Structures are given as C-alpha cells and as structure tokens.
Amino acid sequence: MKKTNDEQLMIAYLLGQVAEEEQARLEERLFADDEFYEQLQALKAELADDYAHGELSTHDRETFASRFLTTSQGREQLAFARVMASALPEIRAEEATTLAPIEITTEERSWRQSLLASLRAPALQFALAAAALLFALGGFWLFSEMRKLRSQLEQARAEQIELRRQQQEREQQTAEQRARNEELSARLRDEQAERERLQKVLEQSRPLNASIPAFILSPALIRGSNEPEKLIVPRFARRIRLQLDLGGDDRYENFRVEVRTARGNLIWSQDTGTVRATPLGKAVSLLLPASLLRNGEYELTLKGIASRSKLEDIGYYYCNVIGR
C-alpha cells in the first residue's frame, strides 16, 4: 500500500531522517494529538515487520537497528515479528488447501508446526489480543505521563519566571527607595548649609555697637520703692553689659553679683573686681550671658567681699527685661 505524505514523514522521523525543526514540530504534535501518536506506534510496528521480512534497504536496516534494537522492548517486538513472518506462509498455505486436516502426533510436531497450531488456537489468539491491548494501554499510559510531566515542567518554568519578575521588582523598588533617601539627604545637607550661610550673613550685618547692649542700674533702698529699670534686650544679643552704681560706697575692692528671678531663684553668680569711674561715681561692670534673661523681672544683689568667708550686702538692683 502506498504511504501518505504524513506516513512517509513519520517513518522518516522514526528513522531519524528529518531536520531538527521538523522533528520539534512532530514531537509537539505527538504531545497534542493522541490519534497521531497511535498512528506513529502502528508505523513503528510495521517497520519492525519490514525489518523481519528483509524489506528495508541496507541503510534503513542499519538505522532501525541502531535506534530500536538497543532496548529489550525493541528486541522483543522484533522477535515477535520474525515469528509471525516465518509462520505466516504456512498459515496462508493451510488456509488455501481444501484437504481435511491431518492428525499430527506429538512426536511428529516440529517447533514451527507447534507454533502454527498454537497461533490458530483461540486461547492464544485471545492472549495475543490481550497482549496487544496491554501494549496499547501501556503506550497510552506512557503518553499520558509524558504530557503530565511536560505540563508540570511548563508550570515550574512559569513559576520560575514569576519569581524572577518579583525579584526584579523588589530590586527596582529598593534602588528607587535608595535614590529617594539619597535625594532627601542631599536636600537636608543643602538646607543646613543655607541656614548656616544665612546665619553668618545675619551676624555680619548686625551693628558692632549693638552686639553687646549696655545698661546702668542704680541701687534701690527698699524693694518696690521705684519702678524696675526696663532693659530692652535684642533677640540676637549674646551678652549684656551691666554697670551697677555703687552709690559712693568704695570700701571694697572685690565684689560678688547674684542674679535671681522675681521668685527668688538664683540663676547666676560671679565674683568680680572690675570697678569703673562714671560721671555719677564708681560702678561695678560685668557681662552676663543674654541667654540667662527671659522676659520678666529680676533682682541683682551686689555684695562686698570683706574676707574669704565674709560677704556684706551693698545694694539691690531691680530690672524688667523685655524684647526677648
């Protein structure tokens, strides 16, 4: 029987005589088309029969032997084909004769005649049919397992691709976050540098004579006898110069000045020996940190140091700081 184009192509595939692209296309079709797979198995059995009958060319016989006779399954299939090939002429000859069957004794049976009689037995025919069915079922099971394995492989590849995509997204997000952090850090550095620059410009623009404001305080004989002296202290001032009028008392060379809040809390104390002559008399001069004084009333106590362990009160000075 003349082979169709598909059958010729499948035979060439079985003998390894097709290009790689065509081989890949046929294998994909084998996975997808069960009928095509069964047809290929039938052609493979026919090739085994042709090999057993010697109907293949020398090149095809060598190719068939190298591809299919290296496994036990292939050799068993070929042995079965050879037995069938040798028994088939006798079966056909006996079917053609009209003679009554000759009774054959056990002693006269040859191995081939015994096989011929066995092949005609219903039990053996049923066994051969069952074996063919098992062979077909085994091929179908193998094909199903191959399709299942291929599906699992494709699923594993899809999962691997998804994991790689997620990893790339995480790496991209990490890189973007790192870039944003670096940008924010650069902005903070620039703003800090700008504030420092503006602070320097502001300090340089302040009048030199206004950097340390000076005030003169006179002693009060009784607390609350007159209004506290108002001290307008600029916010940018770092120190304050105070002159405490001695009121004509020049018995001491060294003094101690104590500064208290309106509630009597001591916030600053310092010993000094700086005495200046003013148009109104002598005065004790001192510098206070401006940060000590907030808006509010303060009491300054001037004490003369008579000895290391003896202090004498000279006067009290009251002021009201504003502008802070």
C-alpha atoms as a PDB file:
ATOM      1  CA  MET A   1       0.000   0.000   0.000  1.00  0.00           C
ATOM      2  CA  LYS A   2       1.286   3.399  -0.929  1.00  0.00           C
ATOM      3  CA  LYS A   3       2.105   5.571   2.071  1.00  0.00           C
ATOM      4  CA  THR A   4       0.587   9.030   2.503  1.00  0.00           C
ATOM      5  CA  ASN A   5       2.779  12.070   2.944  1.00  0.00           C
ATOM      6  CA  ASP A   6       2.157  12.110   6.705  1.00  0.00           C
ATOM      7  CA  GLU A   7       3.035   8.421   6.975  1.00  0.00           C
ATOM      8  CA  GLN A   8       6.233   8.895   4.975  1.00  0.00           C
ATOM      9  CA  LEU A   9       7.133  11.833   7.203  1.00  0.00           C
ATOM     10  CA  MET A  10       6.511   9.782  10.344  1.00  0.00           C
ATOM     11  CA  ILE A  11       8.641   6.902   9.043  1.00  0.00           C
ATOM     12  CA  ALA A  12      11.438   9.341   8.286  1.00  0.00           C
ATOM     13  CA  TYR A  13      11.037  10.692  11.845  1.00  0.00           C
ATOM     14  CA  LEU A  14      11.294   7.161  13.294  1.00  0.00           C
ATOM     15  CA  LEU A  15      14.479   6.571  11.307  1.00  0.00           C
ATOM     16  CA  GLY A  16      15.942   9.954  12.342  1.00  0.00           C
ATOM     17  CA  GLN A  17      15.898  11.331   8.802  1.00  0.00           C
ATOM     18  CA  VAL A  18      14.146  14.702   9.408  1.00  0.00           C
ATOM     19  CA  ALA A  19      15.591  18.120  10.211  1.00  0.00           C
ATOM     20  CA  GLU A  20      15.611  19.429  13.780  1.00  0.00           C
ATOM     21  CA  GLU A  21      12.848  21.983  13.143  1.00  0.00           C
ATOM     22  CA  GLU A  22      10.585  19.323  11.607  1.00  0.00           C
ATOM     23  CA  GLN A  23      11.434  16.933  14.455  1.00  0.00           C
ATOM     24  CA  ALA A  24      10.410  19.529  17.036  1.00  0.00           C
ATOM     25  CA  ARG A  25       7.155  20.203  15.198  1.00  0.00           C
ATOM     26  CA  LEU A  26       6.306  16.467  15.071  1.00  0.00           C
ATOM     27  CA  GLU A  27       7.086  15.985  18.758  1.00  0.00           C
ATOM     28  CA  GLU A  28       4.787  18.865  19.694  1.00  0.00           C
ATOM     29  CA  ARG A  29       2.062  17.252  17.616  1.00  0.00           C
ATOM     30  CA  LEU A  30       2.674  13.914  19.359  1.00  0.00           C
ATOM     31  CA  PHE A  31       2.028  15.577  22.700  1.00  0.00           C
ATOM     32  CA  ALA A  32      -1.141  17.274  21.490  1.00  0.00           C
ATOM     33  CA  ASP A  33      -2.725  14.651  19.174  1.00  0.00           C
ATOM     34  CA  ASP A  34      -3.429  11.169  20.613  1.00  0.00           C
ATOM     35  CA  GLU A  35      -4.536   9.776  17.243  1.00  0.00           C
ATOM     36  CA  PHE A  36      -1.306  10.927  15.645  1.00  0.00           C
ATOM     37  CA  TYR A  37       0.663   9.202  18.419  1.00  0.00           C
ATOM     38  CA  GLU A  38      -1.204   5.924  17.908  1.00  0.00           C
ATOM     39  CA  GLN A  39      -0.591   6.120  14.149  1.00  0.00           C
ATOM     40  CA  LEU A  40       3.133   6.584  14.820  1.00  0.00           C
ATOM     41  CA  GLN A  41       3.173   3.471  17.041  1.00  0.00           C
ATOM     42  CA  ALA A  42       1.453   1.463  14.295  1.00  0.00           C
ATOM     43  CA  LEU A  43       4.053   2.598  11.744  1.00  0.00           C
ATOM     44  CA  LYS A  44       6.787   1.620  14.167  1.00  0.00           C
ATOM     45  CA  ALA A  45       5.312  -1.911  14.320  1.00  0.00           C
ATOM     46  CA  GLU A  46       5.197  -2.007  10.516  1.00  0.00           C
ATOM     47  CA  LEU A  47       8.861  -1.041  10.372  1.00  0.00           C
ATOM     48  CA  ALA A  48       9.646  -3.962  12.676  1.00  0.00           C
ATOM     49  CA  ASP A  49       7.702  -6.297  10.342  1.00  0.00           C
ATOM     50  CA  ASP A  50       9.537  -4.924   7.290  1.00  0.00           C
ATOM     51  CA  TYR A  51      12.830  -5.427   9.112  1.00  0.00           C
ATOM     52  CA  ALA A  52      11.879  -9.031   9.958  1.00  0.00           C
ATOM     53  CA  HIS A  53      10.864  -9.699   6.326  1.00  0.00           C
ATOM     54  CA  GLY A  54      14.029  -8.067   4.989  1.00  0.00           C
ATOM     55  CA  GLU A  55      12.074  -5.435   3.100  1.00  0.00           C
ATOM     56  CA  LEU A  56      14.121  -2.473   4.310  1.00  0.00           C
ATOM     57  CA  SER A  57      17.113  -1.067   2.480  1.00  0.00           C
ATOM     58  CA  THR A  58      20.559  -1.633   3.911  1.00  0.00           C
ATOM     59  CA  HIS A  59      20.760   1.933   5.230  1.00  0.00           C
ATOM     60  CA  ASP A  60      17.253   1.802   6.756  1.00  0.00           C
ATOM     61  CA  ARG A  61      18.017  -1.595   8.360  1.00  0.00           C
ATOM     62  CA  GLU A  62      21.152  -0.191   9.985  1.00  0.00           C
ATOM     63  CA  THR A  63      19.287   2.903  11.137  1.00  0.00           C
ATOM     64  CA  PHE A  64      16.391   0.859  12.527  1.00  0.00           C
ATOM     65  CA  ALA A  65      18.749  -1.489  14.361  1.00  0.00           C
ATOM     66  CA  SER A  66      20.701   1.389  15.930  1.00  0.00           C
ATOM     67  CA  ARG A  67      17.555   3.219  17.045  1.00  0.00           C
ATOM     68  CA  PHE A  68      15.221   0.407  18.182  1.00  0.00           C
ATOM     69  CA  LEU A  69      17.159  -2.818  18.757  1.00  0.00           C
ATOM     70  CA  THR A  70      19.310  -1.426  21.561  1.00  0.00           C
ATOM     71  CA  THR A  71      16.457  -1.880  24.098  1.00  0.00           C
ATOM     72  CA  SER A  72      14.854  -5.101  25.366  1.00  0.00           C
ATOM     73  CA  GLN A  73      11.409  -3.893  24.315  1.00  0.00           C
ATOM     74  CA  GLY A  74      12.569  -3.312  20.737  1.00  0.00           C
ATOM     75  CA  ARG A  75      14.253  -6.726  20.558  1.00  0.00           C
ATOM     76  CA  GLU A  76      11.130  -8.482  21.887  1.00  0.00           C
ATOM     77  CA  GLN A  77       8.972  -6.702  19.320  1.00  0.00           C
ATOM     78  CA  LEU A  78      11.361  -7.757  16.524  1.00  0.00           C
ATOM     79  CA  ALA A  79      11.388 -11.396  17.721  1.00  0.00           C
ATOM     80  CA  PHE A  80       7.606 -11.453  17.687  1.00  0.00           C
ATOM     81  CA  ALA A  81       7.610 -10.003  14.147  1.00  0.00           C
ATOM     82  CA  ARG A  82      10.099 -12.646  12.981  1.00  0.00           C
ATOM     83  CA  VAL A  83       7.999 -15.484  14.389  1.00  0.00           C
ATOM     84  CA  MET A  84       4.929 -14.069  12.697  1.00  0.00           C
ATOM     85  CA  ALA A  85       6.869 -13.647   9.433  1.00  0.00           C
ATOM     86  CA  SER A  86       8.040 -17.249   9.462  1.00  0.00           C
ATOM     87  CA  ALA A  87       4.639 -18.655  10.415  1.00  0.00           C
ATOM     88  CA  LEU A  88       2.565 -16.542   8.036  1.00  0.00           C
ATOM     89  CA  PRO A  89       3.359 -18.529   4.801  1.00  0.00           C
ATOM     90  CA  GLU A  90       2.313 -21.788   6.380  1.00  0.00           C
ATOM     91  CA  ILE A  91      -0.886 -20.252   7.727  1.00  0.00           C
ATOM     92  CA  ARG A  92      -1.744 -18.944   4.290  1.00  0.00           C
ATOM     93  CA  ALA A  93      -0.908 -22.322   2.659  1.00  0.00           C
ATOM     94  CA  GLU A  94      -3.136 -24.235   5.005  1.00  0.00           C
ATOM     95  CA  GLU A  95      -5.960 -21.730   4.535  1.00  0.00           C
ATOM     96  CA  ALA A  96      -5.706 -22.220   0.740  1.00  0.00           C
ATOM     97  CA  THR A  97      -5.900 -26.069   0.741  1.00  0.00           C
ATOM     98  CA  THR A  98      -9.215 -27.960   0.859  1.00  0.00           C
ATOM     99  CA  LEU A  99      -7.781 -31.120   2.314  1.00  0.00           C
ATOM    100  CA  ALA A 100      -9.094 -32.375   5.580  1.00  0.00           C
ATOM    101  CA  PRO A 101      -6.828 -31.648   8.485  1.00  0.00           C
ATOM    102  CA  ILE A 102      -4.236 -34.304   9.069  1.00  0.00           C
ATOM    103  CA  GLU A 103      -3.906 -35.649  12.548  1.00  0.00           C
ATOM    104  CA  ILE A 104      -0.438 -34.864  13.753  1.00  0.00           C
ATOM    105  CA  THR A 105       1.122 -36.851  16.520  1.00  0.00           C
ATOM    106  CA  THR A 106       3.184 -35.362  19.294  1.00  0.00           C
ATOM    107  CA  GLU A 107       6.339 -36.997  18.023  1.00  0.00           C
ATOM    108  CA  GLU A 108       5.959 -35.530  14.503  1.00  0.00           C
ATOM    109  CA  ARG A 109       5.437 -31.954  15.580  1.00  0.00           C
ATOM    110  CA  SER A 110       8.256 -29.645  14.801  1.00  0.00           C
ATOM    111  CA  TRP A 111       8.721 -26.457  16.718  1.00  0.00           C
ATOM    112  CA  ARG A 112       7.393 -24.389  13.834  1.00  0.00           C
ATOM    113  CA  GLN A 113       4.319 -26.636  13.363  1.00  0.00           C
ATOM    114  CA  SER A 114       3.627 -26.453  17.068  1.00  0.00           C
ATOM    115  CA  LEU A 115       3.782 -22.691  16.898  1.00  0.00           C
ATOM    116  CA  LEU A 116       1.469 -22.724  13.845  1.00  0.00           C
ATOM    117  CA  ALA A 117      -1.108 -24.822  15.655  1.00  0.00           C
ATOM    118  CA  SER A 118      -0.800 -22.638  18.710  1.00  0.00           C
ATOM    119  CA  LEU A 119      -1.367 -19.494  16.684  1.00  0.00           C
ATOM    120  CA  ARG A 120      -4.654 -20.963  15.420  1.00  0.00           C
ATOM    121  CA  ALA A 121      -5.788 -21.778  18.948  1.00  0.00           C
ATOM    122  CA  PRO A 122      -8.474 -19.406  20.271  1.00  0.00           C
ATOM    123  CA  ALA A 123      -6.777 -19.151  23.654  1.00  0.00           C
ATOM    124  CA  LEU A 124      -3.509 -17.971  22.112  1.00  0.00           C
ATOM    125  CA  GLN A 125      -5.317 -15.611  19.812  1.00  0.00           C
ATOM    126  CA  PHE A 126      -7.083 -14.175  22.820  1.00  0.00           C
ATOM    127  CA  ALA A 127      -3.739 -13.913  24.636  1.00  0.00           C
ATOM    128  CA  LEU A 128      -2.169 -12.132  21.679  1.00  0.00           C
ATOM    129  CA  ALA A 129      -5.099  -9.736  21.502  1.00  0.00           C
ATOM    130  CA  ALA A 130      -4.807  -9.097  25.230  1.00  0.00           C
ATOM    131  CA  ALA A 131      -1.080  -8.522  24.859  1.00  0.00           C
ATOM    132  CA  ALA A 132      -1.692  -6.057  22.042  1.00  0.00           C
ATOM    133  CA  LEU A 133      -4.287  -4.304  24.175  1.00  0.00           C
ATOM    134  CA  LEU A 134      -1.865  -4.127  27.099  1.00  0.00           C
ATOM    135  CA  PHE A 135       0.818  -2.794  24.774  1.00  0.00           C
ATOM    136  CA  ALA A 136      -1.557  -0.101  23.518  1.00  0.00           C
ATOM    137  CA  LEU A 137      -2.656   0.744  27.060  1.00  0.00           C
ATOM    138  CA  GLY A 138       0.968   0.926  28.143  1.00  0.00           C
ATOM    139  CA  GLY A 139       1.744   3.282  25.290  1.00  0.00           C
ATOM    140  CA  PHE A 140      -1.249   5.437  26.153  1.00  0.00           C
ATOM    141  CA  TRP A 141      -0.204   5.497  29.832  1.00  0.00           C
ATOM    142  CA  LEU A 142       3.339   6.449  28.847  1.00  0.00           C
ATOM    143  CA  PHE A 143       1.997   9.196  26.590  1.00  0.00           C
ATOM    144  CA  SER A 144      -0.256  10.479  29.400  1.00  0.00           C
ATOM    145  CA  GLU A 145       2.669  10.533  31.837  1.00  0.00           C
ATOM    146  CA  MET A 146       4.790  12.424  29.294  1.00  0.00           C
ATOM    147  CA  ARG A 147       2.045  15.010  28.850  1.00  0.00           C
ATOM    148  CA  LYS A 148       1.678  15.333  32.639  1.00  0.00           C
ATOM    149  CA  LEU A 149       5.428  15.774  33.073  1.00  0.00           C
ATOM    150  CA  ARG A 150       5.504  18.362  30.322  1.00  0.00           C
ATOM    151  CA  SER A 151       2.637  20.264  31.994  1.00  0.00           C
ATOM    152  CA  GLN A 152       4.500  20.192  35.313  1.00  0.00           C
ATOM    153  CA  LEU A 153       7.668  21.386  33.603  1.00  0.00           C
ATOM    154  CA  GLU A 154       5.846  24.292  31.964  1.00  0.00           C
ATOM    155  CA  GLN A 155       4.250  25.194  35.318  1.00  0.00           C
ATOM    156  CA  ALA A 156       7.666  25.118  37.024  1.00  0.00           C
ATOM    157  CA  ARG A 157       9.105  27.353  34.308  1.00  0.00           C
ATOM    158  CA  ALA A 158       6.187  29.791  34.689  1.00  0.00           C
ATOM    159  CA  GLU A 159       6.727  29.888  38.472  1.00  0.00           C
ATOM    160  CA  GLN A 160      10.445  30.467  37.966  1.00  0.00           C
ATOM    161  CA  ILE A 161       9.733  33.335  35.568  1.00  0.00           C
ATOM    162  CA  GLU A 162       7.260  34.848  38.069  1.00  0.00           C
ATOM    163  CA  LEU A 163       9.790  34.578  40.916  1.00  0.00           C
ATOM    164  CA  ARG A 164      12.441  36.231  38.753  1.00  0.00           C
ATOM    165  CA  ARG A 165       9.992  39.033  37.879  1.00  0.00           C
ATOM    166  CA  GLN A 166       9.115  39.601  41.548  1.00  0.00           C
ATOM    167  CA  GLN A 167      12.796  39.667  42.473  1.00  0.00           C
ATOM    168  CA  GLN A 168      13.487  42.240  39.770  1.00  0.00           C
ATOM    169  CA  GLU A 169      10.583  44.370  41.049  1.00  0.00           C
ATOM    170  CA  ARG A 170      11.941  44.223  44.605  1.00  0.00           C
ATOM    171  CA  GLU A 171      15.410  45.170  43.420  1.00  0.00           C
ATOM    172  CA  GLN A 172      13.959  48.067  41.417  1.00  0.00           C
ATOM    173  CA  GLN A 173      11.905  49.270  44.413  1.00  0.00           C
ATOM    174  CA  THR A 174      14.978  49.052  46.655  1.00  0.00           C
ATOM    175  CA  ALA A 175      17.027  51.047  44.168  1.00  0.00           C
ATOM    176  CA  GLU A 176      14.287  53.689  43.865  1.00  0.00           C
ATOM    177  CA  GLN A 177      13.974  53.968  47.665  1.00  0.00           C
ATOM    178  CA  ARG A 178      17.744  54.292  47.996  1.00  0.00           C
ATOM    179  CA  ALA A 179      17.735  57.049  45.364  1.00  0.00           C
ATOM    180  CA  ARG A 180      14.932  58.896  47.210  1.00  0.00           C
ATOM    181  CA  ASN A 181      16.801  58.619  50.512  1.00  0.00           C
ATOM    182  CA  GLU A 182      19.960  59.967  48.937  1.00  0.00           C
ATOM    183  CA  GLU A 183      17.979  62.833  47.380  1.00  0.00           C
ATOM    184  CA  LEU A 184      16.379  63.710  50.740  1.00  0.00           C
ATOM    185  CA  SER A 185      19.755  63.573  52.483  1.00  0.00           C
ATOM    186  CA  ALA A 186      21.227  65.886  49.864  1.00  0.00           C
ATOM    187  CA  ARG A 187      18.330  68.328  50.331  1.00  0.00           C
ATOM    188  CA  LEU A 188      18.796  68.311  54.105  1.00  0.00           C
ATOM    189  CA  ARG A 189      22.514  68.989  53.713  1.00  0.00           C
ATOM    190  CA  ASP A 190      21.803  71.837  51.308  1.00  0.00           C
ATOM    191  CA  GLU A 191      19.206  73.362  53.642  1.00  0.00           C
ATOM    192  CA  GLN A 192      21.559  73.098  56.612  1.00  0.00           C
ATOM    193  CA  ALA A 193      24.331  74.755  54.646  1.00  0.00           C
ATOM    194  CA  GLU A 194      21.933  77.505  53.533  1.00  0.00           C
ATOM    195  CA  ARG A 195      20.828  78.159  57.133  1.00  0.00           C
ATOM    196  CA  GLU A 196      24.427  78.394  58.269  1.00  0.00           C
ATOM    197  CA  ARG A 197      25.194  80.790  55.434  1.00  0.00           C
ATOM    198  CA  LEU A 198      22.217  82.999  56.288  1.00  0.00           C
ATOM    199  CA  GLN A 199      23.187  82.957  59.964  1.00  0.00           C
ATOM    200  CA  LYS A 200      26.670  84.178  59.109  1.00  0.00           C
ATOM    201  CA  VAL A 201      25.254  86.901  56.869  1.00  0.00           C
ATOM    202  CA  LEU A 202      22.906  87.993  59.656  1.00  0.00           C
ATOM    203  CA  GLU A 203      25.678  88.111  62.205  1.00  0.00           C
ATOM    204  CA  GLN A 204      27.890  90.101  59.852  1.00  0.00           C
ATOM    205  CA  SER A 205      25.072  92.574  59.161  1.00  0.00           C
ATOM    206  CA  ARG A 206      24.480  93.405  62.852  1.00  0.00           C
ATOM    207  CA  PRO A 207      25.857  96.749  64.098  1.00  0.00           C
ATOM    208  CA  LEU A 208      29.001  96.317  66.126  1.00  0.00           C
ATOM    209  CA  ASN A 209      27.819  98.704  68.815  1.00  0.00           C
ATOM    210  CA  ALA A 210      24.531  96.810  69.140  1.00  0.00           C
ATOM    211  CA  SER A 211      26.091  93.370  69.595  1.00  0.00           C
ATOM    212  CA  ILE A 212      26.545  93.944  73.361  1.00  0.00           C
ATOM    213  CA  PRO A 213      23.831  96.197  74.792  1.00  0.00           C
ATOM    214  CA  ALA A 214      24.823  98.111  77.969  1.00  0.00           C
ATOM    215  CA  PHE A 215      22.643  99.275  80.849  1.00  0.00           C
ATOM    216  CA  ILE A 216      23.236 101.273  84.054  1.00  0.00           C
ATOM    217  CA  LEU A 217      21.373 100.247  87.186  1.00  0.00           C
ATOM    218  CA  SER A 218      21.053 102.250  90.384  1.00  0.00           C
ATOM    219  CA  PRO A 219      20.523 100.615  93.787  1.00  0.00           C
ATOM    220  CA  ALA A 220      17.090 100.740  95.405  1.00  0.00           C
ATOM    221  CA  LEU A 221      16.928 101.411  99.126  1.00  0.00           C
ATOM    222  CA  ILE A 222      13.744  99.364  99.553  1.00  0.00           C
ATOM    223  CA  ARG A 223      12.393  96.706  97.227  1.00  0.00           C
ATOM    224  CA  GLY A 224       9.495  98.113  95.246  1.00  0.00           C
ATOM    225  CA  SER A 225      10.232 101.706  96.181  1.00  0.00           C
ATOM    226  CA  ASN A 226      10.507 102.654  92.497  1.00  0.00           C
ATOM    227  CA  GLU A 227       9.760 101.134  89.126  1.00  0.00           C
ATOM    228  CA  PRO A 228      12.246  98.479  87.932  1.00  0.00           C
ATOM    229  CA  GLU A 229      14.605  99.615  85.213  1.00  0.00           C
ATOM    230  CA  LYS A 230      13.403  98.433  81.806  1.00  0.00           C
ATOM    231  CA  LEU A 231      16.055  96.555  79.821  1.00  0.00           C
ATOM    232  CA  ILE A 232      15.213  96.162  76.130  1.00  0.00           C
ATOM    233  CA  VAL A 233      17.461  93.277  75.093  1.00  0.00           C
ATOM    234  CA  PRO A 234      17.551  92.413  71.363  1.00  0.00           C
ATOM    235  CA  ARG A 235      16.959  88.791  70.478  1.00  0.00           C
ATOM    236  CA  PHE A 236      20.268  88.470  68.680  1.00  0.00           C
ATOM    237  CA  ALA A 237      22.266  89.687  71.703  1.00  0.00           C
ATOM    238  CA  ARG A 238      24.560  87.085  73.185  1.00  0.00           C
ATOM    239  CA  ARG A 239      25.838  89.085  76.163  1.00  0.00           C
ATOM    240  CA  ILE A 240      24.650  92.056  78.217  1.00  0.00           C
ATOM    241  CA  ARG A 241      26.872  94.638  79.869  1.00  0.00           C
ATOM    242  CA  LEU A 242      25.610  95.984  83.206  1.00  0.00           C
ATOM    243  CA  GLN A 243      27.008  98.806  85.313  1.00  0.00           C
ATOM    244  CA  LEU A 244      25.902  98.680  88.957  1.00  0.00           C
ATOM    245  CA  ASP A 245      26.224 102.105  90.596  1.00  0.00           C
ATOM    246  CA  LEU A 246      27.995 101.817  93.976  1.00  0.00           C
ATOM    247  CA  GLY A 247      26.299 104.924  95.352  1.00  0.00           C
ATOM    248  CA  GLY A 248      29.505 106.291  96.830  1.00  0.00           C
ATOM    249  CA  ASP A 249      30.413 103.121  98.719  1.00  0.00           C
ATOM    250  CA  ASP A 250      34.006 102.278  97.748  1.00  0.00           C
ATOM    251  CA  ARG A 251      35.116 100.298 100.767  1.00  0.00           C
ATOM    252  CA  TYR A 252      35.572  97.067  98.849  1.00  0.00           C
ATOM    253  CA  GLU A 253      37.889  96.065  96.077  1.00  0.00           C
ATOM    254  CA  ASN A 254      36.222  92.776  95.213  1.00  0.00           C
ATOM    255  CA  PHE A 255      32.547  92.094  94.772  1.00  0.00           C
ATOM    256  CA  ARG A 256      30.059  89.327  94.154  1.00  0.00           C
ATOM    257  CA  VAL A 257      26.977  89.747  91.990  1.00  0.00           C
ATOM    258  CA  GLU A 258      23.979  87.411  92.315  1.00  0.00           C
ATOM    259  CA  VAL A 259      21.031  87.366  89.892  1.00  0.00           C
ATOM    260  CA  ARG A 260      17.641  85.989  90.984  1.00  0.00           C
ATOM    261  CA  THR A 261      14.228  85.731  89.398  1.00  0.00           C
ATOM    262  CA  ALA A 262      11.196  87.515  90.813  1.00  0.00           C
ATOM    263  CA  ARG A 263      10.504  84.364  92.848  1.00  0.00           C
ATOM    264  CA  GLY A 264      13.960  84.449  94.403  1.00  0.00           C
ATOM    265  CA  ASN A 265      15.567  81.604  92.411  1.00  0.00           C
ATOM    266  CA  LEU A 266      19.325  82.101  91.963  1.00  0.00           C
ATOM    267  CA  ILE A 267      20.218  81.781  88.274  1.00  0.00           C
ATOM    268  CA  TRP A 268      23.699  83.359  88.100  1.00  0.00           C
ATOM    269  CA  SER A 269      26.542  84.357  90.439  1.00  0.00           C
ATOM    270  CA  GLN A 270      30.033  85.719  89.791  1.00  0.00           C
ATOM    271  CA  ASP A 271      32.893  87.386  91.685  1.00  0.00           C
ATOM    272  CA  THR A 272      34.385  90.459  90.047  1.00  0.00           C
ATOM    273  CA  GLY A 273      36.865  93.239  90.841  1.00  0.00           C
ATOM    274  CA  THR A 274      36.161  95.442  87.843  1.00  0.00           C
ATOM    275  CA  VAL A 275      35.310  98.936  89.054  1.00  0.00           C
ATOM    276  CA  ARG A 276      34.822 101.843  86.645  1.00  0.00           C
ATOM    277  CA  ALA A 277      34.637 105.571  87.215  1.00  0.00           C
ATOM    278  CA  THR A 278      31.477 107.133  85.801  1.00  0.00           C
ATOM    279  CA  PRO A 279      30.143 110.728  85.864  1.00  0.00           C
ATOM    280  CA  LEU A 280      27.906 109.645  88.746  1.00  0.00           C
ATOM    281  CA  GLY A 281      30.705 107.911  90.664  1.00  0.00           C
ATOM    282  CA  LYS A 282      32.144 104.454  90.710  1.00  0.00           C
ATOM    283  CA  ALA A 283      30.304 101.429  89.304  1.00  0.00           C
ATOM    284  CA  VAL A 284      30.884  97.686  89.098  1.00  0.00           C
ATOM    285  CA  SER A 285      30.962  96.491  85.490  1.00  0.00           C
ATOM    286  CA  LEU A 286      30.054  92.932  84.490  1.00  0.00           C
ATOM    287  CA  LEU A 287      28.993  90.880  81.448  1.00  0.00           C
ATOM    288  CA  LEU A 288      26.057  88.468  81.673  1.00  0.00           C
ATOM    289  CA  PRO A 289      25.051  85.790  79.150  1.00  0.00           C
ATOM    290  CA  ALA A 290      21.927  87.089  77.444  1.00  0.00           C
ATOM    291  CA  SER A 291      20.521  83.555  77.341  1.00  0.00           C
ATOM    292  CA  LEU A 292      20.001  83.708  81.115  1.00  0.00           C
ATOM    293  CA  LEU A 293      17.473  86.510  80.883  1.00  0.00           C
ATOM    294  CA  ARG A 294      13.995  85.995  79.519  1.00  0.00           C
ATOM    295  CA  ASN A 295      11.153  88.474  79.587  1.00  0.00           C
ATOM    296  CA  GLY A 296      10.350  89.243  83.223  1.00  0.00           C
ATOM    297  CA  GLU A 297      11.584  90.855  86.435  1.00  0.00           C
ATOM    298  CA  TYR A 298      14.957  90.141  88.041  1.00  0.00           C
ATOM    299  CA  GLU A 299      16.768  91.122  91.251  1.00  0.00           C
ATOM    300  CA  LEU A 300      20.548  91.699  91.327  1.00  0.00           C
ATOM    301  CA  THR A 301      22.363  91.689  94.654  1.00  0.00           C
ATOM    302  CA  LEU A 302      25.760  93.342  94.950  1.00  0.00           C
ATOM    303  CA  LYS A 303      27.914  92.130  97.840  1.00  0.00           C
ATOM    304  CA  GLY A 304      31.302  93.312  99.037  1.00  0.00           C
ATOM    305  CA  ILE A 305      33.923  90.673  99.825  1.00  0.00           C
ATOM    306  CA  ALA A 306      35.473  91.664 103.155  1.00  0.00           C
ATOM    307  CA  SER A 307      37.344  88.370 103.552  1.00  0.00           C
ATOM    308  CA  ARG A 308      37.192  84.887 102.142  1.00  0.00           C
ATOM    309  CA  SER A 309      34.362  83.873 104.424  1.00  0.00           C
ATOM    310  CA  LYS A 310      32.561  87.199 104.913  1.00  0.00           C
ATOM    311  CA  LEU A 311      30.221  88.923 102.465  1.00  0.00           C
ATOM    312  CA  GLU A 312      28.385  92.202 103.121  1.00  0.00           C
ATOM    313  CA  ASP A 313      25.365  93.390 101.145  1.00  0.00           C
ATOM    314  CA  ILE A 314      25.962  96.702  99.384  1.00  0.00           C
ATOM    315  CA  GLY A 315      22.825  97.164  97.294  1.00  0.00           C
ATOM    316  CA  TYR A 316      19.905  95.680  95.421  1.00  0.00           C
ATOM    317  CA  TYR A 317      19.080  96.381  91.782  1.00  0.00           C
ATOM    318  CA  TYR A 318      15.759  95.592  90.032  1.00  0.00           C
ATOM    319  CA  CYS A 319      15.116  95.394  86.347  1.00  0.00           C
ATOM    320  CA  ASN A 320      12.434  94.246  83.921  1.00  0.00           C
ATOM    321  CA  VAL A 321      13.732  92.529  80.768  1.00  0.00           C
ATOM    322  CA  ILE A 322      11.617  92.923  77.621  1.00  0.00           C
ATOM    323  CA  GLY A 323      12.117  92.232  73.927  1.00  0.00           C
ATOM    324  CA  ARG A 324      13.224  88.623  74.328  1.00  0.00           C
END
